[in-house]
PDB file of N, CA and C in Angstrom:
ATOM      1  N   MET A   1     -14.759  -4.922 -23.623  1.00  0.00           N
ATOM      2  CA  MET A   1     -15.340  -4.459 -22.384  1.00  0.00           C
ATOM      3  C   MET A   1     -14.224  -4.012 -21.447  1.00  0.00           C
ATOM      4  N   GLY A   2     -14.356  -2.819 -20.900  1.00  0.00           N
ATOM      5  CA  GLY A   2     -13.320  -2.252 -20.064  1.00  0.00           C
ATOM      6  C   GLY A   2     -13.436  -2.677 -18.613  1.00  0.00           C
ATOM      7  N   PRO A   3     -12.610  -2.097 -17.784  1.00  0.00           N
ATOM      8  CA  PRO A   3     -12.611  -2.428 -16.359  1.00  0.00           C
ATOM      9  C   PRO A   3     -13.889  -1.944 -15.676  1.00  0.00           C
ATOM     10  N   ASP A   4     -14.248  -2.593 -14.564  1.00  0.00           N
ATOM     11  CA  ASP A   4     -15.417  -2.141 -13.813  1.00  0.00           C
ATOM     12  C   ASP A   4     -14.968  -1.250 -12.654  1.00  0.00           C
ATOM     13  N   GLU A   5     -15.943  -0.747 -11.894  1.00  0.00           N
ATOM     14  CA  GLU A   5     -15.641   0.177 -10.796  1.00  0.00           C
ATOM     15  C   GLU A   5     -14.643  -0.393  -9.804  1.00  0.00           C
ATOM     16  N   ASP A   6     -14.776  -1.671  -9.474  1.00  0.00           N
ATOM     17  CA  ASP A   6     -13.845  -2.274  -8.514  1.00  0.00           C
ATOM     18  C   ASP A   6     -12.426  -2.305  -9.058  1.00  0.00           C
ATOM     19  N   ASP A   7     -12.274  -2.562 -10.364  1.00  0.00           N
ATOM     20  CA  ASP A   7     -10.943  -2.544 -10.986  1.00  0.00           C
ATOM     21  C   ASP A   7     -10.342  -1.149 -10.950  1.00  0.00           C
ATOM     22  N   LEU A   8     -11.194  -0.134 -11.108  1.00  0.00           N
ATOM     23  CA  LEU A   8     -10.708   1.246 -11.210  1.00  0.00           C
ATOM     24  C   LEU A   8     -10.429   1.896  -9.856  1.00  0.00           C
ATOM     25  N   ASP A   9     -11.043   1.419  -8.801  1.00  0.00           N
ATOM     26  CA  ASP A   9     -10.814   1.998  -7.478  1.00  0.00           C
ATOM     27  C   ASP A   9      -9.358   1.790  -7.063  1.00  0.00           C
ATOM     28  N   GLY A  10      -8.647   2.875  -6.828  1.00  0.00           N
ATOM     29  CA  GLY A  10      -7.233   2.817  -6.463  1.00  0.00           C
ATOM     30  C   GLY A  10      -6.291   2.706  -7.649  1.00  0.00           C
ATOM     31  N   TYR A  11      -6.829   2.815  -8.843  1.00  0.00           N
ATOM     32  CA  TYR A  11      -6.021   2.690 -10.057  1.00  0.00           C
ATOM     33  C   TYR A  11      -5.157   3.930 -10.241  1.00  0.00           C
ATOM     34  N   GLU A  12      -3.874   3.711 -10.424  1.00  0.00           N
ATOM     35  CA  GLU A  12      -2.948   4.825 -10.642  1.00  0.00           C
ATOM     36  C   GLU A  12      -1.840   4.347 -11.560  1.00  0.00           C
ATOM     37  N   ARG A  13      -1.745   4.966 -12.724  1.00  0.00           N
ATOM     38  CA  ARG A  13      -0.746   4.575 -13.711  1.00  0.00           C
ATOM     39  C   ARG A  13      -0.258   5.810 -14.468  1.00  0.00           C
ATOM     40  N   ALA A  14       0.964   5.707 -14.991  1.00  0.00           N
ATOM     41  CA  ALA A  14       1.521   6.761 -15.833  1.00  0.00           C
ATOM     42  C   ALA A  14       2.459   6.125 -16.842  1.00  0.00           C
ATOM     43  N   ASN A  15       2.537   6.737 -18.000  1.00  0.00           N
ATOM     44  CA  ASN A  15       3.479   6.285 -19.009  1.00  0.00           C
ATOM     45  C   ASN A  15       3.984   7.490 -19.782  1.00  0.00           C
ATOM     46  N   VAL A  16       5.281   7.513 -20.013  1.00  0.00           N
ATOM     47  CA  VAL A  16       5.901   8.544 -20.840  1.00  0.00           C
ATOM     48  C   VAL A  16       6.243   7.887 -22.170  1.00  0.00           C
ATOM     49  N   TYR A  17       5.912   8.575 -23.250  1.00  0.00           N
ATOM     50  CA  TYR A  17       6.108   8.038 -24.595  1.00  0.00           C
ATOM     51  C   TYR A  17       7.297   8.706 -25.275  1.00  0.00           C
ATOM     52  N   GLU A  18       7.832   8.020 -26.279  1.00  0.00           N
ATOM     53  CA  GLU A  18       9.000   8.525 -27.007  1.00  0.00           C
ATOM     54  C   GLU A  18       8.752   9.870 -27.672  1.00  0.00           C
ATOM     55  N   ASP A  19       7.496  10.179 -27.980  1.00  0.00           N
ATOM     56  CA  ASP A  19       7.187  11.451 -28.649  1.00  0.00           C
ATOM     57  C   ASP A  19       7.087  12.628 -27.671  1.00  0.00           C
ATOM     58  N   GLY A  20       7.415  12.398 -26.395  1.00  0.00           N
ATOM     59  CA  GLY A  20       7.400  13.486 -25.412  1.00  0.00           C
ATOM     60  C   GLY A  20       6.046  13.721 -24.770  1.00  0.00           C
ATOM     61  N   THR A  21       5.115  12.794 -24.989  1.00  0.00           N
ATOM     62  CA  THR A  21       3.808  12.907 -24.347  1.00  0.00           C
ATOM     63  C   THR A  21       3.740  11.955 -23.155  1.00  0.00           C
ATOM     64  N   VAL A  22       2.719  12.178 -22.344  1.00  0.00           N
ATOM     65  CA  VAL A  22       2.536  11.375 -21.139  1.00  0.00           C
ATOM     66  C   VAL A  22       1.044  11.151 -20.903  1.00  0.00           C
ATOM     67  N   VAL A  23       0.724   9.994 -20.358  1.00  0.00           N
ATOM     68  CA  VAL A  23      -0.629   9.700 -19.883  1.00  0.00           C
ATOM     69  C   VAL A  23      -0.508   9.384 -18.401  1.00  0.00           C
ATOM     70  N   ARG A  24      -1.330  10.083 -17.596  1.00  0.00           N
ATOM     71  CA  ARG A  24      -1.380   9.836 -16.150  1.00  0.00           C
ATOM     72  C   ARG A  24      -2.840   9.638 -15.768  1.00  0.00           C
ATOM     73  N   ILE A  25      -3.100   8.576 -15.042  1.00  0.00           N
ATOM     74  CA  ILE A  25      -4.449   8.296 -14.579  1.00  0.00           C
ATOM     75  C   ILE A  25      -4.403   8.010 -13.087  1.00  0.00           C
ATOM     76  N   SER A  26      -5.316   8.631 -12.365  1.00  0.00           N
ATOM     77  CA  SER A  26      -5.443   8.399 -10.931  1.00  0.00           C
ATOM     78  C   SER A  26      -6.936   8.378 -10.599  1.00  0.00           C
ATOM     79  N   ILE A  27      -7.388   7.267  -9.989  1.00  0.00           N
ATOM     80  CA  ILE A  27      -8.802   7.110  -9.675  1.00  0.00           C
ATOM     81  C   ILE A  27      -8.933   6.471  -8.298  1.00  0.00           C
ATOM     82  N   ARG A  28      -9.815   7.015  -7.474  1.00  0.00           N
ATOM     83  CA  ARG A  28     -10.117   6.333  -6.215  1.00  0.00           C
ATOM     84  C   ARG A  28     -11.489   6.737  -5.707  1.00  0.00           C
ATOM     85  N   ARG A  29     -12.128   5.793  -5.045  1.00  0.00           N
ATOM     86  CA  ARG A  29     -13.395   6.085  -4.382  1.00  0.00           C
ATOM     87  C   ARG A  29     -13.089   6.948  -3.169  1.00  0.00           C
ATOM     88  N   THR A  30     -14.064   7.760  -2.794  1.00  0.00           N
ATOM     89  CA  THR A  30     -13.881   8.595  -1.619  1.00  0.00           C
ATOM     90  C   THR A  30     -15.224   8.885  -0.971  1.00  0.00           C
ATOM     91  N   ASN A  31     -15.188   9.051   0.339  1.00  0.00           N
ATOM     92  CA  ASN A  31     -16.365   9.480   1.093  1.00  0.00           C
ATOM     93  C   ASN A  31     -16.297  10.965   1.419  1.00  0.00           C
ATOM     94  N   ASP A  32     -15.265  11.631   0.917  1.00  0.00           N
ATOM     95  CA  ASP A  32     -15.067  13.055   1.161  1.00  0.00           C
ATOM     96  C   ASP A  32     -16.248  13.828   0.574  1.00  0.00           C
ATOM     97  N   PRO A  33     -16.928  14.649   1.367  1.00  0.00           N
ATOM     98  CA  PRO A  33     -18.074  15.409   0.853  1.00  0.00           C
ATOM     99  C   PRO A  33     -17.710  16.402  -0.257  1.00  0.00           C
ATOM    100  N   SER A  34     -16.434  16.689  -0.428  1.00  0.00           N
ATOM    101  CA  SER A  34     -16.008  17.561  -1.527  1.00  0.00           C
ATOM    102  C   SER A  34     -16.164  16.880  -2.880  1.00  0.00           C
ATOM    103  N   TYR A  35     -16.391  15.556  -2.870  1.00  0.00           N
ATOM    104  CA  TYR A  35     -16.547  14.773  -4.101  1.00  0.00           C
ATOM    105  C   TYR A  35     -17.882  14.031  -4.052  1.00  0.00           C
ATOM    106  N   PRO A  36     -18.993  14.739  -4.328  1.00  0.00           N
ATOM    107  CA  PRO A  36     -20.321  14.129  -4.232  1.00  0.00           C
ATOM    108  C   PRO A  36     -20.514  12.896  -5.115  1.00  0.00           C
ATOM    109  N   SER A  37     -19.743  12.763  -6.173  1.00  0.00           N
ATOM    110  CA  SER A  37     -19.864  11.599  -7.053  1.00  0.00           C
ATOM    111  C   SER A  37     -19.360  10.324  -6.384  1.00  0.00           C
ATOM    112  N   GLY A  38     -18.563  10.497  -5.316  1.00  0.00           N
ATOM    113  CA  GLY A  38     -17.954   9.341  -4.670  1.00  0.00           C
ATOM    114  C   GLY A  38     -16.630   8.934  -5.283  1.00  0.00           C
ATOM    115  N   TRP A  39     -16.154   9.717  -6.239  1.00  0.00           N
ATOM    116  CA  TRP A  39     -14.883   9.442  -6.926  1.00  0.00           C
ATOM    117  C   TRP A  39     -14.008  10.683  -6.947  1.00  0.00           C
ATOM    118  N   ARG A  40     -12.719  10.465  -6.847  1.00  0.00           N
ATOM    119  CA  ARG A  40     -11.722  11.511  -7.084  1.00  0.00           C
ATOM    120  C   ARG A  40     -10.853  10.985  -8.216  1.00  0.00           C
ATOM    121  N   TYR A  41     -10.743  11.742  -9.314  1.00  0.00           N
ATOM    122  CA  TYR A  41     -10.050  11.204 -10.479  1.00  0.00           C
ATOM    123  C   TYR A  41      -9.355  12.291 -11.293  1.00  0.00           C
ATOM    124  N   THR A  42      -8.367  11.843 -12.057  1.00  0.00           N
ATOM    125  CA  THR A  42      -7.718  12.634 -13.097  1.00  0.00           C
ATOM    126  C   THR A  42      -7.371  11.689 -14.236  1.00  0.00           C
ATOM    127  N   PHE A  43      -7.764  12.066 -15.443  1.00  0.00           N
ATOM    128  CA  PHE A  43      -7.361  11.378 -16.666  1.00  0.00           C
ATOM    129  C   PHE A  43      -6.607  12.423 -17.473  1.00  0.00           C
ATOM    130  N   HIS A  44      -5.295  12.314 -17.545  1.00  0.00           N
ATOM    131  CA  HIS A  44      -4.462  13.362 -18.128  1.00  0.00           C
ATOM    132  C   HIS A  44      -3.656  12.845 -19.311  1.00  0.00           C
ATOM    133  N   TYR A  45      -3.769  13.554 -20.424  1.00  0.00           N
ATOM    134  CA  TYR A  45      -2.912  13.331 -21.583  1.00  0.00           C
ATOM    135  C   TYR A  45      -2.230  14.654 -21.846  1.00  0.00           C
ATOM    136  N   GLY A  46      -0.904  14.635 -21.903  1.00  0.00           N
ATOM    137  CA  GLY A  46      -0.198  15.892 -22.086  1.00  0.00           C
ATOM    138  C   GLY A  46       1.200  15.704 -22.621  1.00  0.00           C
ATOM    139  N   ALA A  47       1.953  16.780 -22.561  1.00  0.00           N
ATOM    140  CA  ALA A  47       3.339  16.786 -23.009  1.00  0.00           C
ATOM    141  C   ALA A  47       4.246  17.003 -21.802  1.00  0.00           C
ATOM    142  N   ILE A  48       5.417  16.446 -21.873  1.00  0.00           N
ATOM    143  CA  ILE A  48       6.381  16.621 -20.785  1.00  0.00           C
ATOM    144  C   ILE A  48       6.757  18.087 -20.655  1.00  0.00           C
ATOM    145  N   SER A  49       6.896  18.762 -21.784  1.00  0.00           N
ATOM    146  CA  SER A  49       7.225  20.190 -21.797  1.00  0.00           C
ATOM    147  C   SER A  49       6.074  20.977 -22.404  1.00  0.00           C
ATOM    148  N   ALA A  50       5.680  22.032 -21.724  1.00  0.00           N
ATOM    149  CA  ALA A  50       4.608  22.896 -22.232  1.00  0.00           C
ATOM    150  C   ALA A  50       5.049  23.566 -23.533  1.00  0.00           C
ATOM    151  N   SER A  51       4.057  23.821 -24.390  1.00  0.00           N
ATOM    152  CA  SER A  51       4.317  24.496 -25.658  1.00  0.00           C
ATOM    153  C   SER A  51       3.070  25.284 -26.039  1.00  0.00           C
ATOM    154  N   GLU A  52       3.083  25.867 -27.230  1.00  0.00           N
ATOM    155  CA  GLU A  52       1.905  26.596 -27.713  1.00  0.00           C
ATOM    156  C   GLU A  52       0.705  25.672 -27.916  1.00  0.00           C
ATOM    157  N   ALA A  53       0.965  24.375 -28.063  1.00  0.00           N
ATOM    158  CA  ALA A  53      -0.104  23.406 -28.303  1.00  0.00           C
ATOM    159  C   ALA A  53      -0.672  22.813 -27.005  1.00  0.00           C
ATOM    160  N   THR A  54      -0.140  23.259 -25.859  1.00  0.00           N
ATOM    161  CA  THR A  54      -0.583  22.725 -24.564  1.00  0.00           C
ATOM    162  C   THR A  54      -1.000  23.862 -23.641  1.00  0.00           C
ATOM    163  N   LEU A  55      -1.582  23.485 -22.521  1.00  0.00           N
ATOM    164  CA  LEU A  55      -1.799  24.465 -21.453  1.00  0.00           C
ATOM    165  C   LEU A  55      -0.476  24.683 -20.733  1.00  0.00           C
ATOM    166  N   GLU A  56      -0.429  25.613 -19.810  1.00  0.00           N
ATOM    167  CA  GLU A  56       0.822  25.950 -19.115  1.00  0.00           C
ATOM    168  C   GLU A  56       1.456  24.756 -18.409  1.00  0.00           C
ATOM    169  N   ASP A  57       0.625  23.811 -17.962  1.00  0.00           N
ATOM    170  CA  ASP A  57       1.155  22.640 -17.260  1.00  0.00           C
ATOM    171  C   ASP A  57       1.428  21.461 -18.200  1.00  0.00           C
ATOM    172  N   GLY A  58       1.350  21.687 -19.506  1.00  0.00           N
ATOM    173  CA  GLY A  58       1.610  20.644 -20.479  1.00  0.00           C
ATOM    174  C   GLY A  58       0.377  19.849 -20.880  1.00  0.00           C
ATOM    175  N   THR A  59      -0.776  20.174 -20.306  1.00  0.00           N
ATOM    176  CA  THR A  59      -2.000  19.445 -20.623  1.00  0.00           C
ATOM    177  C   THR A  59      -2.404  19.618 -22.083  1.00  0.00           C
ATOM    178  N   ILE A  60      -2.764  18.502 -22.710  1.00  0.00           N
ATOM    179  CA  ILE A  60      -3.393  18.516 -24.023  1.00  0.00           C
ATOM    180  C   ILE A  60      -4.885  18.239 -23.834  1.00  0.00           C
ATOM    181  N   ARG A  61      -5.206  17.248 -23.012  1.00  0.00           N
ATOM    182  CA  ARG A  61      -6.595  16.893 -22.694  1.00  0.00           C
ATOM    183  C   ARG A  61      -6.607  16.277 -21.295  1.00  0.00           C
ATOM    184  N   ARG A  62      -7.527  16.751 -20.458  1.00  0.00           N
ATOM    185  CA  ARG A  62      -7.616  16.216 -19.093  1.00  0.00           C
ATOM    186  C   ARG A  62      -9.052  16.277 -18.587  1.00  0.00           C
ATOM    187  N   TYR A  63      -9.488  15.179 -18.006  1.00  0.00           N
ATOM    188  CA  TYR A  63     -10.739  15.148 -17.261  1.00  0.00           C
ATOM    189  C   TYR A  63     -10.366  15.102 -15.792  1.00  0.00           C
ATOM    190  N   ASP A  64     -11.041  15.914 -14.978  1.00  0.00           N
ATOM    191  CA  ASP A  64     -10.802  15.834 -13.538  1.00  0.00           C
ATOM    192  C   ASP A  64     -11.988  16.407 -12.774  1.00  0.00           C
ATOM    193  N   ASN A  65     -11.990  16.138 -11.497  1.00  0.00           N
ATOM    194  CA  ASN A  65     -13.000  16.709 -10.606  1.00  0.00           C
ATOM    195  C   ASN A  65     -12.316  17.273  -9.365  1.00  0.00           C
ATOM    196  N   ALA A  66     -11.183  17.922  -9.570  1.00  0.00           N
ATOM    197  CA  ALA A  66     -10.393  18.469  -8.467  1.00  0.00           C
ATOM    198  C   ALA A  66     -11.177  19.448  -7.602  1.00  0.00           C
ATOM    199  N   HIS A  67     -12.171  20.096  -8.178  1.00  0.00           N
ATOM    200  CA  HIS A  67     -12.998  21.064  -7.445  1.00  0.00           C
ATOM    201  C   HIS A  67     -14.468  20.696  -7.616  1.00  0.00           C
ATOM    202  N   GLU A  68     -14.772  19.415  -7.476  1.00  0.00           N
ATOM    203  CA  GLU A  68     -16.117  18.935  -7.810  1.00  0.00           C
ATOM    204  C   GLU A  68     -17.221  19.653  -7.042  1.00  0.00           C
ATOM    205  N   GLU A  69     -17.014  19.879  -5.773  1.00  0.00           N
ATOM    206  CA  GLU A  69     -18.074  20.495  -4.974  1.00  0.00           C
ATOM    207  C   GLU A  69     -18.434  21.892  -5.476  1.00  0.00           C
ATOM    208  N   THR A  70     -17.451  22.635  -5.970  1.00  0.00           N
ATOM    209  CA  THR A  70     -17.706  24.004  -6.408  1.00  0.00           C
ATOM    210  C   THR A  70     -17.784  24.171  -7.926  1.00  0.00           C
ATOM    211  N   LYS A  71     -17.037  23.350  -8.689  1.00  0.00           N
ATOM    212  CA  LYS A  71     -17.002  23.510 -10.145  1.00  0.00           C
ATOM    213  C   LYS A  71     -17.529  22.302 -10.906  1.00  0.00           C
ATOM    214  N   GLY A  72     -17.761  21.193 -10.224  1.00  0.00           N
ATOM    215  CA  GLY A  72     -18.242  19.988 -10.888  1.00  0.00           C
ATOM    216  C   GLY A  72     -17.127  19.221 -11.574  1.00  0.00           C
ATOM    217  N   HIS A  73     -17.503  18.503 -12.607  1.00  0.00           N
ATOM    218  CA  HIS A  73     -16.574  17.692 -13.390  1.00  0.00           C
ATOM    219  C   HIS A  73     -16.137  18.521 -14.585  1.00  0.00           C
ATOM    220  N   GLU A  74     -14.822  18.467 -14.895  1.00  0.00           N
ATOM    221  CA  GLU A  74     -14.294  19.358 -15.928  1.00  0.00           C
ATOM    222  C   GLU A  74     -13.504  18.619 -16.995  1.00  0.00           C
ATOM    223  N   LEU A  75     -13.525  19.205 -18.176  1.00  0.00           N
ATOM    224  CA  LEU A  75     -12.686  18.787 -19.294  1.00  0.00           C
ATOM    225  C   LEU A  75     -11.815  19.976 -19.666  1.00  0.00           C
ATOM    226  N   HIS A  76     -10.508  19.767 -19.631  1.00  0.00           N
ATOM    227  CA  HIS A  76      -9.528  20.785 -20.026  1.00  0.00           C
ATOM    228  C   HIS A  76      -8.967  20.355 -21.381  1.00  0.00           C
ATOM    229  N   VAL A  77      -9.040  21.234 -22.369  1.00  0.00           N
ATOM    230  CA  VAL A  77      -8.524  20.924 -23.706  1.00  0.00           C
ATOM    231  C   VAL A  77      -7.683  22.097 -24.184  1.00  0.00           C
ATOM    232  N   ALA A  78      -6.425  21.817 -24.499  1.00  0.00           N
ATOM    233  CA  ALA A  78      -5.533  22.852 -25.017  1.00  0.00           C
ATOM    234  C   ALA A  78      -5.985  23.255 -26.412  1.00  0.00           C
ATOM    235  N   PRO A  79      -5.811  24.510 -26.771  1.00  0.00           N
ATOM    236  CA  PRO A  79      -5.126  25.574 -26.060  1.00  0.00           C
ATOM    237  C   PRO A  79      -6.038  26.436 -25.196  1.00  0.00           C
ATOM    238  N   ASP A  80      -7.324  26.092 -25.081  1.00  0.00           N
ATOM    239  CA  ASP A  80      -8.265  26.894 -24.296  1.00  0.00           C
ATOM    240  C   ASP A  80      -7.961  26.779 -22.804  1.00  0.00           C
ATOM    241  N   PRO A  81      -7.612  27.873 -22.133  1.00  0.00           N
ATOM    242  CA  PRO A  81      -7.272  27.798 -20.710  1.00  0.00           C
ATOM    243  C   PRO A  81      -8.490  27.593 -19.799  1.00  0.00           C
ATOM    244  N   ASP A  82      -9.697  27.789 -20.346  1.00  0.00           N
ATOM    245  CA  ASP A  82     -10.910  27.653 -19.536  1.00  0.00           C
ATOM    246  C   ASP A  82     -11.512  26.266 -19.705  1.00  0.00           C
ATOM    247  N   PRO A  83     -11.628  25.507 -18.614  1.00  0.00           N
ATOM    248  CA  PRO A  83     -12.214  24.169 -18.723  1.00  0.00           C
ATOM    249  C   PRO A  83     -13.711  24.227 -18.997  1.00  0.00           C
ATOM    250  N   ALA A  84     -14.221  23.174 -19.598  1.00  0.00           N
ATOM    251  CA  ALA A  84     -15.657  23.030 -19.843  1.00  0.00           C
ATOM    252  C   ALA A  84     -16.224  22.090 -18.788  1.00  0.00           C
ATOM    253  N   GLY A  85     -17.390  22.415 -18.290  1.00  0.00           N
ATOM    254  CA  GLY A  85     -18.071  21.511 -17.380  1.00  0.00           C
ATOM    255  C   GLY A  85     -18.666  20.351 -18.164  1.00  0.00           C
ATOM    256  N   ILE A  86     -18.639  19.163 -17.589  1.00  0.00           N
ATOM    257  CA  ILE A  86     -19.220  17.990 -18.244  1.00  0.00           C
ATOM    258  C   ILE A  86     -20.187  17.304 -17.283  1.00  0.00           C
ATOM    259  N   ASP A  87     -21.116  16.563 -17.842  1.00  0.00           N
ATOM    260  CA  ASP A  87     -21.945  15.684 -17.036  1.00  0.00           C
ATOM    261  C   ASP A  87     -21.117  14.436 -16.751  1.00  0.00           C
ATOM    262  N   PHE A  88     -21.114  13.994 -15.511  1.00  0.00           N
ATOM    263  CA  PHE A  88     -20.340  12.813 -15.130  1.00  0.00           C
ATOM    264  C   PHE A  88     -21.135  11.569 -15.501  1.00  0.00           C
ATOM    265  N   PRO A  89     -20.620  10.770 -16.459  1.00  0.00           N
ATOM    266  CA  PRO A  89     -21.361   9.605 -16.926  1.00  0.00           C
ATOM    267  C   PRO A  89     -21.137   8.347 -16.076  1.00  0.00           C
ATOM    268  N   GLY A  90     -20.320   8.459 -15.037  1.00  0.00           N
ATOM    269  CA  GLY A  90     -19.882   7.300 -14.261  1.00  0.00           C
ATOM    270  C   GLY A  90     -18.415   7.064 -14.557  1.00  0.00           C
ATOM    271  N   ILE A  91     -17.704   6.469 -13.610  1.00  0.00           N
ATOM    272  CA  ILE A  91     -16.250   6.344 -13.744  1.00  0.00           C
ATOM    273  C   ILE A  91     -15.852   5.401 -14.869  1.00  0.00           C
ATOM    274  N   GLU A  92     -16.584   4.315 -15.059  1.00  0.00           N
ATOM    275  CA  GLU A  92     -16.265   3.377 -16.144  1.00  0.00           C
ATOM    276  C   GLU A  92     -16.422   4.048 -17.506  1.00  0.00           C
ATOM    277  N   ALA A  93     -17.535   4.730 -17.705  1.00  0.00           N
ATOM    278  CA  ALA A  93     -17.801   5.387 -18.986  1.00  0.00           C
ATOM    279  C   ALA A  93     -16.784   6.491 -19.260  1.00  0.00           C
ATOM    280  N   LEU A  94     -16.401   7.239 -18.226  1.00  0.00           N
ATOM    281  CA  LEU A  94     -15.431   8.309 -18.428  1.00  0.00           C
ATOM    282  C   LEU A  94     -14.054   7.745 -18.758  1.00  0.00           C
ATOM    283  N   TYR A  95     -13.672   6.665 -18.112  1.00  0.00           N
ATOM    284  CA  TYR A  95     -12.411   5.984 -18.407  1.00  0.00           C
ATOM    285  C   TYR A  95     -12.375   5.582 -19.888  1.00  0.00           C
ATOM    286  N   GLU A  96     -13.424   4.950 -20.351  1.00  0.00           N
ATOM    287  CA  GLU A  96     -13.478   4.509 -21.743  1.00  0.00           C
ATOM    288  C   GLU A  96     -13.498   5.692 -22.711  1.00  0.00           C
ATOM    289  N   ARG A  97     -14.238   6.736 -22.354  1.00  0.00           N
ATOM    290  CA  ARG A  97     -14.296   7.946 -23.195  1.00  0.00           C
ATOM    291  C   ARG A  97     -12.913   8.551 -23.357  1.00  0.00           C
ATOM    292  N   PHE A  98     -12.165   8.676 -22.255  1.00  0.00           N
ATOM    293  CA  PHE A  98     -10.814   9.238 -22.293  1.00  0.00           C
ATOM    294  C   PHE A  98      -9.945   8.489 -23.303  1.00  0.00           C
ATOM    295  N   TRP A  99      -9.929   7.159 -23.209  1.00  0.00           N
ATOM    296  CA  TRP A  99      -9.075   6.380 -24.110  1.00  0.00           C
ATOM    297  C   TRP A  99      -9.515   6.491 -25.566  1.00  0.00           C
ATOM    298  N   ARG A 100     -10.803   6.661 -25.817  1.00  0.00           N
ATOM    299  CA  ARG A 100     -11.266   6.846 -27.203  1.00  0.00           C
ATOM    300  C   ARG A 100     -10.805   8.183 -27.767  1.00  0.00           C
ATOM    301  N   GLU A 101     -10.619   9.177 -26.907  1.00  0.00           N
ATOM    302  CA  GLU A 101     -10.334  10.538 -27.363  1.00  0.00           C
ATOM    303  C   GLU A 101      -8.856  10.878 -27.489  1.00  0.00           C
ATOM    304  N   ILE A 102      -7.973  10.026 -27.000  1.00  0.00           N
ATOM    305  CA  ILE A 102      -6.549  10.342 -27.109  1.00  0.00           C
ATOM    306  C   ILE A 102      -5.865   9.342 -28.048  1.00  0.00           C
ATOM    307  N   PRO A 103      -4.757   9.752 -28.659  1.00  0.00           N
ATOM    308  CA  PRO A 103      -4.096   8.881 -29.638  1.00  0.00           C
ATOM    309  C   PRO A 103      -3.051   7.948 -29.029  1.00  0.00           C
ATOM    310  N   LYS A 104      -3.378   7.328 -27.915  1.00  0.00           N
ATOM    311  CA  LYS A 104      -2.459   6.400 -27.249  1.00  0.00           C
ATOM    312  C   LYS A 104      -3.200   5.115 -26.928  1.00  0.00           C
ATOM    313  N   PRO A 105      -2.486   3.988 -26.855  1.00  0.00           N
ATOM    314  CA  PRO A 105      -3.131   2.715 -26.524  1.00  0.00           C
ATOM    315  C   PRO A 105      -3.464   2.640 -25.031  1.00  0.00           C
ATOM    316  N   GLU A 106      -4.580   1.983 -24.754  1.00  0.00           N
ATOM    317  CA  GLU A 106      -5.051   1.843 -23.372  1.00  0.00           C
ATOM    318  C   GLU A 106      -4.088   0.985 -22.554  1.00  0.00           C
ATOM    319  N   PHE A 107      -3.951   1.313 -21.262  1.00  0.00           N
ATOM    320  CA  PHE A 107      -3.192   0.483 -20.333  1.00  0.00           C
ATOM    321  C   PHE A 107      -4.049  -0.714 -19.960  1.00  0.00           C
ATOM    322  N   ASP A 108      -3.408  -1.859 -19.691  1.00  0.00           N
ATOM    323  CA  ASP A 108      -4.180  -2.921 -19.063  1.00  0.00           C
ATOM    324  C   ASP A 108      -4.149  -2.664 -17.558  1.00  0.00           C
ATOM    325  N   GLN A 109      -4.786  -3.470 -16.776  1.00  0.00           N
ATOM    326  CA  GLN A 109      -4.936  -3.192 -15.350  1.00  0.00           C
ATOM    327  C   GLN A 109      -3.630  -3.306 -14.568  1.00  0.00           C
ATOM    328  N   GLN A 110      -2.583  -3.876 -15.156  1.00  0.00           N
ATOM    329  CA  GLN A 110      -1.284  -3.925 -14.494  1.00  0.00           C
ATOM    330  C   GLN A 110      -0.408  -2.744 -14.920  1.00  0.00           C
ATOM    331  N   GLY A 111      -0.962  -1.862 -15.732  1.00  0.00           N
ATOM    332  CA  GLY A 111      -0.216  -0.675 -16.154  1.00  0.00           C
ATOM    333  C   GLY A 111       0.533  -0.846 -17.441  1.00  0.00           C
ATOM    334  N   GLU A 112       0.508  -2.056 -18.010  1.00  0.00           N
ATOM    335  CA  GLU A 112       1.158  -2.290 -19.291  1.00  0.00           C
ATOM    336  C   GLU A 112       0.290  -1.688 -20.393  1.00  0.00           C
ATOM    337  N   ILE A 113       0.902  -1.382 -21.504  1.00  0.00           N
ATOM    338  CA  ILE A 113       0.166  -0.838 -22.642  1.00  0.00           C
ATOM    339  C   ILE A 113      -0.331  -2.003 -23.486  1.00  0.00           C
ATOM    340  N   ARG A 114      -1.593  -1.937 -23.898  1.00  0.00           N
ATOM    341  CA  ARG A 114      -2.089  -3.001 -24.773  1.00  0.00           C
ATOM    342  C   ARG A 114      -2.471  -2.467 -26.131  1.00  0.00           C
TER     343      ARG A 114
END
């Protein structure tokens, strides 16, 4: 069983791996009307250096809602430069989905890898 909403509010962690990849997660509750879901988040798995296998910013896979009010919730998957819209399943479910889809071990709540 993963973390709940209270655990995830204000959660911010990053790790760089020996293979040149990185995982960055940033989650926080917000009352900003630009984020109707009540959350502002990024779940990013990528490479330190961009390549043909990544997007220009090094992204391999990323969930975010940076433009939620106008574009909704998005999934960016390299090498396709166009993100796909997704239904937001809730912050807990999306957190768990992200970790299932990338080949890295989940962080514990203190930022350590488990």
